[in-house]
Amino acid sequence: MAVVGTGVVGLAAALGCAQRGLRVRLIGPTPRLFEAAGDGPAPPGGGRPARFDPRIYAISEGSRRLLTDCKVWAQIDPARTCPVSRMQVAGDAGGRLRFDAYASCTERLATIGEESALLRALWLGCAMTPGIEHIPLQFHAATFDGGATRVHLVEGADGAATQMECDLLIGADGKNSSVRAAAGISAHAKPYGHIAFVANFACEHPHDGVAYQWFTPDEGIVALLPLPGNHVSLVWSAPDALAPQLESLPLPEFQRRVTERSGSVLGALEILGDRHAFPLRRLVVDRLVRPGLALMGDAAHVVHPLAGQGLNLGLQDVADLLLHLDTRESWRGIGDLVLLRRYERARAEPIALMRGTVGALATLFATPDAATRRLRNAGMSLVDALPPIKNALVRHALG
């Protein structure tokens, strides 16, 4: 088999398949890993040196279980992760929703970790696992003739071409997937009307493992995720109209704006490193599989980050594919369409549910209508007063 993509999802897929005795060709560049700046020079524009990767994920229990099964979770430095013990969500007119790990009888709601830590552990696992061959070439095309999938690779933009055959090609090469395009699978992208700003901060007061989120119609959705020590990670999904203003602010002004928007719940915030911005778009594909091909991760779906479930959806793609590989009939090949459709059916409901939920929430809280505003805040407070519903939401989020 061949896996195109050396991100978290692609590496997890390659490692999990190789650990099941499959011969895997891992196609793509060596991952570029973030290195903490320590006490080095401050970034241009002010602030302190970057101590954390700007790409921060809320890792669900289901994803942590997959990484444990792949024998990589133990390789992640626990001093670089932070468990989420509680979550506080605030509406724009008094509505609130609180989740507590202890009240839900679970160890943690999620684990906050850096992409670079995941990549480093997975890359090491792939390097030490027999049966994985890394091919640092660029995917160019694929042809499907029913028996085997032929993969065409090139070295750089004008390099020499080479080809290989495999029984199953996994496309985990991101939202602009070349594998998906080569397979003739249509993808439909739609802007959410938000620009995401991400940055890390030192905070004046301890966060105590609490994640915070604020919904507003004018300024979008703001989340502060706990990092080790007195540090937090910001994800601000700002409306398109507000984004240019936030992007133009000098870093000291930006950190003051974030402190004000969060109601100084953690005291003054001081930015670490720089801020980063990217547009948010929903991505829906017509199908996840065809004979000899499976898509996963951002190549298969992209959702709004307000629930922090994008990476978890991708890792659960991996977990479901591995489950179906484990339980397939002894005579059925790994590229058999019947097998791959089992995987596609298993993923259909979780993906649709997450896409619908986060899309509805983003739309609901972007609506300025007064009646809608009262209704959404009342709904939040009603759910907050019903522990069985809150516990059910926590169990679903754990994966």
Protein backbone atom coordinates (compact mmCIF):
# COMPACT_ATOMS: atom_id res chain seq x y z
CA MET A 1 0.00 0.00 0.00
CA ALA A 2 1.01 3.65 -0.35
CA VAL A 3 0.20 6.63 1.88
CA VAL A 4 0.49 10.12 0.41
CA GLY A 5 0.93 12.76 3.10
CA THR A 6 3.38 13.13 5.96
CA GLY A 7 1.17 15.09 8.34
CA VAL A 8 -0.25 13.67 11.56
CA VAL A 9 -3.02 11.68 9.85
CA GLY A 10 -0.80 10.28 7.09
CA LEU A 11 1.92 9.20 9.53
CA ALA A 12 -0.64 7.58 11.85
CA ALA A 13 -2.17 5.69 8.92
CA ALA A 14 1.22 4.47 7.69
CA LEU A 15 2.32 3.41 11.17
CA GLY A 16 -0.92 1.65 12.03
CA CYS A 17 -0.95 -0.29 8.75
CA ALA A 18 2.72 -1.30 9.05
CA GLN A 19 2.12 -2.53 12.59
CA ARG A 20 -0.45 -4.89 11.09
CA GLY A 21 2.14 -6.44 8.82
CA LEU A 22 1.40 -4.46 5.66
CA ARG A 23 4.23 -3.11 3.53
CA VAL A 24 3.82 0.66 3.36
CA ARG A 25 5.37 3.26 1.09
CA LEU A 26 5.12 6.68 2.72
CA ILE A 27 5.19 9.41 0.08
CA GLY A 28 5.96 13.03 0.87
CA PRO A 29 8.61 15.32 2.38
CA THR A 30 10.15 14.84 5.78
CA PRO A 31 7.97 16.75 8.29
CA ARG A 32 9.26 20.19 9.29
CA LEU A 33 9.23 20.32 13.08
CA PHE A 34 8.82 23.39 15.26
CA GLU A 35 11.65 24.11 17.68
CA ALA A 36 10.93 26.21 20.77
CA ALA A 37 12.83 29.49 20.73
CA GLY A 38 13.62 29.36 24.45
CA ASP A 39 15.10 32.64 25.56
CA GLY A 40 16.31 33.67 22.10
CA PRO A 41 15.57 36.96 20.36
CA ALA A 42 12.07 38.39 20.43
CA PRO A 43 10.07 38.37 17.16
CA PRO A 44 9.75 41.57 15.09
CA GLY A 45 6.96 43.80 16.37
CA GLY A 46 7.35 42.94 20.05
CA GLY A 47 6.31 40.06 22.29
CA ARG A 48 8.38 37.24 23.73
CA PRO A 49 10.11 34.35 21.89
CA ALA A 50 7.92 31.47 20.70
CA ARG A 51 7.90 28.67 23.27
CA PHE A 52 5.13 26.61 21.69
CA ASP A 53 4.17 25.48 18.22
CA PRO A 54 1.50 27.83 16.81
CA ARG A 55 -0.47 24.76 15.66
CA ILE A 56 -2.15 23.50 18.82
CA TYR A 57 -4.72 20.69 18.96
CA ALA A 58 -7.33 19.52 21.46
CA ILE A 59 -6.73 15.77 21.34
CA SER A 60 -9.76 13.66 22.24
CA GLU A 61 -9.63 10.48 24.30
CA GLY A 62 -10.40 8.47 21.15
CA SER A 63 -7.41 10.00 19.36
CA ARG A 64 -5.21 9.47 22.42
CA ARG A 65 -6.28 5.81 22.46
CA LEU A 66 -5.28 5.40 18.80
CA LEU A 67 -1.88 6.99 19.42
CA THR A 68 -1.42 4.73 22.45
CA ASP A 69 -2.27 1.65 20.38
CA CYS A 70 0.28 2.81 17.81
CA LYS A 71 2.84 3.02 20.66
CA VAL A 72 3.61 6.71 20.12
CA TRP A 73 1.69 8.50 22.88
CA ALA A 74 4.31 7.49 25.45
CA GLN A 75 6.96 9.19 23.27
CA ILE A 76 5.27 12.60 23.64
CA ASP A 77 6.81 14.67 26.43
CA PRO A 78 4.00 15.11 29.02
CA ALA A 79 5.59 18.43 30.03
CA ARG A 80 4.55 19.74 26.59
CA THR A 81 0.87 18.73 26.97
CA CYS A 82 -1.93 19.97 29.21
CA PRO A 83 -5.10 18.10 30.24
CA VAL A 84 -8.36 20.03 30.07
CA SER A 85 -10.25 19.57 33.32
CA ARG A 86 -13.07 22.03 32.68
CA MET A 87 -14.53 24.11 29.86
CA GLN A 88 -16.52 27.32 30.15
CA VAL A 89 -18.52 28.58 27.17
CA ALA A 90 -20.15 32.02 27.23
CA GLY A 91 -22.82 33.41 24.93
CA ASP A 92 -23.33 37.04 24.00
CA ALA A 93 -26.27 37.79 26.32
CA GLY A 94 -25.74 35.91 29.57
CA GLY A 95 -25.92 32.38 28.21
CA ARG A 96 -23.34 29.96 29.54
CA LEU A 97 -22.41 26.30 29.33
CA ARG A 98 -19.92 24.58 31.64
CA PHE A 99 -18.33 21.16 31.30
CA ASP A 100 -16.41 19.43 34.07
CA ALA A 101 -14.35 16.24 33.72
CA TYR A 102 -14.94 15.24 37.34
CA ALA A 103 -18.72 15.72 37.08
CA SER A 104 -18.69 13.63 33.88
CA CYS A 105 -16.70 10.83 35.57
CA THR A 106 -13.77 11.10 33.20
CA GLU A 107 -10.10 11.88 33.73
CA ARG A 108 -10.01 14.81 31.31
CA LEU A 109 -12.14 16.45 28.64
CA ALA A 110 -9.23 16.58 26.16
CA THR A 111 -5.47 16.94 26.04
CA ILE A 112 -3.96 20.08 24.54
CA GLY A 113 -0.80 19.34 22.54
CA GLU A 114 1.44 20.70 19.82
CA GLU A 115 1.39 19.44 16.24
CA SER A 116 5.20 19.22 16.28
CA ALA A 117 5.13 16.86 19.28
CA LEU A 118 2.71 14.56 17.47
CA LEU A 119 4.73 14.68 14.26
CA ARG A 120 8.01 13.99 16.07
CA ALA A 121 6.62 10.93 17.88
CA LEU A 122 4.88 9.54 14.78
CA TRP A 123 7.91 10.14 12.55
CA LEU A 124 10.15 8.31 15.03
CA GLY A 125 7.64 5.46 15.16
CA CYS A 126 7.59 5.21 11.35
CA ALA A 127 11.41 5.25 11.20
CA MET A 128 11.68 2.39 13.70
CA THR A 129 8.90 0.20 12.28
CA PRO A 130 9.86 -2.47 9.73
CA GLY A 131 7.85 -2.38 6.54
CA ILE A 132 7.71 1.41 6.07
CA GLU A 133 9.70 2.87 3.19
CA HIS A 134 9.82 6.66 3.03
CA ILE A 135 9.84 8.04 -0.51
CA PRO A 136 10.53 11.81 -0.38
CA LEU A 137 9.05 12.50 -3.79
CA GLN A 138 6.05 14.52 -4.94
CA PHE A 139 2.81 12.78 -5.87
CA HIS A 140 1.94 13.58 -9.49
CA ALA A 141 -0.87 11.29 -10.68
CA ALA A 142 -2.52 7.93 -10.21
CA THR A 143 -4.26 5.50 -12.55
CA PHE A 144 -6.80 2.92 -11.47
CA ASP A 145 -7.27 -0.18 -13.63
CA GLY A 146 -9.21 -2.39 -11.22
CA GLY A 147 -6.38 -4.76 -10.33
CA ALA A 148 -3.76 -2.43 -8.93
CA THR A 149 -3.32 1.30 -8.48
CA ARG A 150 -0.38 2.84 -10.33
CA VAL A 151 1.13 5.87 -8.61
CA HIS A 152 3.25 8.39 -10.53
CA LEU A 153 5.83 10.44 -8.63
CA VAL A 154 8.20 13.25 -9.56
CA GLU A 155 11.25 14.75 -7.88
CA GLY A 156 10.54 18.46 -7.64
CA ALA A 157 8.69 20.55 -10.20
CA ASP A 158 10.82 19.50 -13.18
CA GLY A 159 12.40 16.32 -11.85
CA ALA A 160 12.48 12.84 -13.32
CA ALA A 161 9.29 10.80 -13.06
CA THR A 162 8.96 7.38 -11.48
CA GLN A 163 6.04 5.07 -10.83
CA MET A 164 5.01 2.27 -8.50
CA GLU A 165 2.04 -0.03 -7.97
CA CYS A 166 0.05 -0.68 -4.82
CA ASP A 167 -3.13 -2.46 -3.78
CA LEU A 168 -4.39 0.51 -1.77
CA LEU A 169 -3.58 4.22 -2.06
CA ILE A 170 -4.41 6.39 0.95
CA GLY A 171 -4.79 10.11 0.31
CA ALA A 172 -3.94 12.05 3.47
CA ASP A 173 -2.43 15.04 1.68
CA GLY A 174 -4.59 17.85 3.00
CA LYS A 175 -7.49 20.00 1.87
CA ASN A 176 -5.94 20.66 -1.56
CA SER A 177 -5.43 16.93 -2.07
CA SER A 178 -3.70 15.95 -5.32
CA VAL A 179 -4.70 12.34 -4.68
CA ARG A 180 -8.38 13.29 -4.51
CA ALA A 181 -8.09 15.22 -7.78
CA ALA A 182 -6.27 12.34 -9.48
CA ALA A 183 -9.05 9.97 -8.42
CA GLY A 184 -11.69 12.21 -9.99
CA ILE A 185 -13.47 12.82 -6.68
CA SER A 186 -15.17 16.21 -6.54
CA ALA A 187 -14.74 18.51 -3.55
CA HIS A 188 -17.00 21.43 -2.72
CA ALA A 189 -15.51 24.28 -0.68
CA LYS A 190 -17.59 27.02 0.94
CA PRO A 191 -16.20 29.92 3.02
CA TYR A 192 -17.45 30.22 6.59
CA GLY A 193 -16.92 33.99 6.42
CA HIS A 194 -14.30 33.81 9.17
CA ILE A 195 -10.53 34.26 9.35
CA ALA A 196 -8.83 32.24 12.11
CA PHE A 197 -6.13 33.96 14.15
CA VAL A 198 -3.91 31.70 16.23
CA ALA A 199 -1.25 32.74 18.74
CA ASN A 200 0.16 31.64 22.08
CA PHE A 201 0.32 33.79 25.21
CA ALA A 202 1.74 33.89 28.70
CA CYS A 203 -1.06 34.64 31.16
CA GLU A 204 -0.89 36.57 34.42
CA HIS A 205 -3.09 34.17 36.41
CA PRO A 206 -3.08 30.32 36.43
CA HIS A 207 -5.61 28.75 34.05
CA ASP A 208 -6.03 25.60 36.21
CA GLY A 209 -6.61 23.46 33.13
CA VAL A 210 -9.74 25.37 32.11
CA ALA A 211 -10.56 26.03 28.43
CA TYR A 212 -12.60 29.16 27.68
CA GLN A 213 -14.77 30.04 24.70
CA TRP A 214 -16.82 33.14 23.89
CA PHE A 215 -19.46 33.45 21.13
CA THR A 216 -20.29 36.92 19.80
CA PRO A 217 -22.12 38.08 16.65
CA ASP A 218 -19.77 40.99 15.93
CA GLU A 219 -16.35 39.63 16.86
CA GLY A 220 -16.79 35.94 16.13
CA ILE A 221 -15.69 33.04 18.31
CA VAL A 222 -12.76 33.33 20.69
CA ALA A 223 -11.18 30.38 22.48
CA LEU A 224 -8.30 30.16 24.96
CA LEU A 225 -6.88 26.65 25.40
CA PRO A 226 -4.64 25.81 28.37
CA LEU A 227 -0.96 25.07 27.71
CA PRO A 228 1.66 23.88 30.22
CA GLY A 229 2.48 26.44 32.90
CA ASN A 230 0.85 29.84 32.78
CA HIS A 231 0.37 29.76 29.01
CA VAL A 232 -2.64 29.58 26.70
CA SER A 233 -3.30 29.17 23.00
CA LEU A 234 -5.70 31.53 21.21
CA VAL A 235 -8.02 30.54 18.36
CA TRP A 236 -10.01 33.61 17.28
CA SER A 237 -12.44 32.93 14.42
CA ALA A 238 -13.01 36.53 13.39
CA PRO A 239 -15.63 37.67 10.84
CA ASP A 240 -14.19 38.74 7.50
CA ALA A 241 -15.11 42.37 8.25
CA LEU A 242 -13.09 42.40 11.48
CA ALA A 243 -10.08 40.40 10.28
CA PRO A 244 -8.18 43.23 8.51
CA GLN A 245 -8.35 45.34 11.67
CA LEU A 246 -6.96 42.52 13.83
CA GLU A 247 -4.25 41.71 11.29
CA SER A 248 -3.07 45.31 11.13
CA LEU A 249 -2.71 45.73 14.90
CA PRO A 250 0.87 45.80 16.25
CA LEU A 251 1.50 42.79 18.48
CA PRO A 252 1.29 44.78 21.76
CA GLU A 253 -2.09 46.19 20.64
CA PHE A 254 -3.24 42.74 19.53
CA GLN A 255 -2.45 41.20 22.91
CA ARG A 256 -4.33 44.00 24.65
CA ARG A 257 -7.31 43.37 22.36
CA VAL A 258 -7.27 39.66 23.21
CA THR A 259 -7.03 40.45 26.94
CA GLU A 260 -10.08 42.72 26.68
CA ARG A 261 -12.07 40.29 24.52
CA SER A 262 -11.49 37.54 27.10
CA GLY A 263 -12.66 39.80 29.91
CA SER A 264 -9.22 39.57 31.54
CA VAL A 265 -10.31 36.18 32.90
CA LEU A 266 -6.63 35.18 33.10
CA GLY A 267 -5.28 38.67 33.78
CA ALA A 268 -2.97 40.36 31.30
CA LEU A 269 -1.85 38.29 28.31
CA GLU A 270 1.60 38.57 26.71
CA ILE A 271 2.08 37.16 23.23
CA LEU A 272 4.74 34.49 22.60
CA GLY A 273 6.13 34.58 19.08
CA ASP A 274 3.91 35.84 16.27
CA ARG A 275 0.24 35.50 15.34
CA HIS A 276 -0.88 33.54 12.28
CA ALA A 277 -4.05 33.90 10.21
CA PHE A 278 -5.81 31.69 7.67
CA PRO A 279 -9.28 31.67 6.05
CA LEU A 280 -11.83 29.12 7.21
CA ARG A 281 -13.65 27.05 4.62
CA ARG A 282 -15.91 24.04 4.79
CA LEU A 283 -14.94 21.16 2.50
CA VAL A 284 -17.33 18.40 1.44
CA VAL A 285 -16.29 15.57 -0.87
CA ASP A 286 -18.61 13.43 -2.99
CA ARG A 287 -17.14 10.17 -1.67
CA LEU A 288 -14.26 8.88 0.42
CA VAL A 289 -13.35 5.78 -1.58
CA ARG A 290 -13.08 4.13 -4.94
CA PRO A 291 -11.50 0.75 -5.79
CA GLY A 292 -7.92 0.88 -4.53
CA LEU A 293 -8.28 4.31 -2.87
CA ALA A 294 -9.32 5.82 0.47
CA LEU A 295 -9.28 9.46 1.55
CA MET A 296 -8.84 10.63 5.13
CA GLY A 297 -8.12 13.72 7.18
CA ASP A 298 -8.45 17.11 5.50
CA ALA A 299 -8.41 15.42 2.10
CA ALA A 300 -11.81 13.96 3.07
CA HIS A 301 -13.40 16.73 5.17
CA VAL A 302 -12.70 20.18 6.63
CA VAL A 303 -14.92 21.68 9.36
CA HIS A 304 -14.95 24.88 11.40
CA PRO A 305 -12.41 24.77 14.28
CA LEU A 306 -14.85 26.08 16.90
CA ALA A 307 -15.22 22.57 18.40
CA GLY A 308 -11.54 21.68 17.99
CA GLN A 309 -12.42 18.40 16.29
CA GLY A 310 -10.73 18.64 12.87
CA LEU A 311 -7.67 16.55 13.75
CA ASN A 312 -9.76 14.16 15.83
CA LEU A 313 -12.02 13.46 12.84
CA GLY A 314 -8.91 12.61 10.79
CA LEU A 315 -7.44 10.32 13.44
CA GLN A 316 -10.77 8.56 13.79
CA ASP A 317 -10.68 8.03 10.00
CA VAL A 318 -7.43 6.16 10.63
CA ALA A 319 -8.90 4.19 13.55
CA ASP A 320 -11.94 3.12 11.52
CA LEU A 321 -9.86 2.06 8.51
CA LEU A 322 -7.55 0.02 10.75
CA LEU A 323 -10.57 -1.64 12.37
CA HIS A 324 -11.96 -2.68 9.01
CA LEU A 325 -8.56 -3.95 7.88
CA ASP A 326 -8.37 -6.03 11.08
CA THR A 327 -11.85 -7.53 10.61
CA ARG A 328 -11.85 -8.14 6.85
CA GLU A 329 -12.25 -11.61 5.44
CA SER A 330 -8.96 -13.44 4.94
CA TRP A 331 -9.51 -13.62 1.20
CA ARG A 332 -10.49 -9.97 0.72
CA GLY A 333 -7.77 -7.61 -0.54
CA ILE A 334 -7.05 -4.31 1.16
CA GLY A 335 -8.12 -2.35 -1.93
CA ASP A 336 -11.41 -4.21 -2.37
CA LEU A 337 -14.29 -1.76 -2.86
CA VAL A 338 -16.62 -3.70 -0.53
CA LEU A 339 -14.10 -3.31 2.29
CA LEU A 340 -13.50 0.35 1.55
CA ARG A 341 -17.23 1.09 1.46
CA ARG A 342 -17.49 -0.34 4.97
CA TYR A 343 -14.98 2.30 6.02
CA GLU A 344 -16.89 4.99 4.12
CA ARG A 345 -20.19 4.06 5.76
CA ALA A 346 -18.60 4.03 9.21
CA ARG A 347 -17.30 7.57 8.70
CA ALA A 348 -20.43 9.05 7.09
CA GLU A 349 -22.41 9.76 10.27
CA PRO A 350 -19.59 11.17 12.49
CA ILE A 351 -18.42 13.49 9.70
CA ALA A 352 -21.92 14.69 8.82
CA LEU A 353 -22.82 15.19 12.48
CA MET A 354 -19.72 17.25 13.21
CA ARG A 355 -20.04 19.28 10.01
CA GLY A 356 -23.70 20.02 10.72
CA THR A 357 -23.18 20.86 14.38
CA VAL A 358 -20.28 23.28 14.00
CA GLY A 359 -21.81 24.85 10.89
CA ALA A 360 -25.10 25.45 12.68
CA LEU A 361 -23.37 26.94 15.73
CA ALA A 362 -21.23 29.25 13.59
CA THR A 363 -24.32 30.46 11.71
CA LEU A 364 -26.48 30.74 14.82
CA PHE A 365 -24.04 32.98 16.69
CA ALA A 366 -23.34 35.13 13.63
CA THR A 367 -27.01 36.13 13.46
CA PRO A 368 -27.59 39.58 15.05
CA ASP A 369 -31.39 39.23 15.28
CA ALA A 370 -32.52 40.01 18.85
CA ALA A 371 -35.00 37.14 19.07
CA THR A 372 -32.40 34.65 17.84
CA ARG A 373 -29.92 36.09 20.33
CA ARG A 374 -32.30 35.50 23.25
CA LEU A 375 -33.13 32.01 22.04
CA ARG A 376 -29.52 30.86 21.63
CA ASN A 377 -28.47 32.15 25.04
CA ALA A 378 -31.51 30.61 26.71
CA GLY A 379 -30.71 27.33 24.97
CA MET A 380 -27.14 27.37 26.29
CA SER A 381 -28.30 27.98 29.85
CA LEU A 382 -30.98 25.27 29.55
CA VAL A 383 -28.42 22.67 28.46
CA ASP A 384 -26.13 23.83 31.28
CA ALA A 385 -28.90 23.02 33.76
CA LEU A 386 -29.34 19.46 32.45
CA PRO A 387 -26.38 17.28 33.54
CA PRO A 388 -27.48 14.16 31.59
CA ILE A 389 -27.36 16.10 28.32
CA LYS A 390 -24.00 17.65 29.19
CA ASN A 391 -22.56 14.24 30.08
CA ALA A 392 -23.82 12.82 26.78
CA LEU A 393 -22.09 15.67 24.91
CA VAL A 394 -18.86 14.98 26.80
CA ARG A 395 -19.01 11.24 26.03
CA HIS A 396 -19.51 12.01 22.33
CA ALA A 397 -16.60 14.48 22.28
CA LEU A 398 -14.28 11.95 23.98
CA GLY A 399 -14.58 9.68 20.92
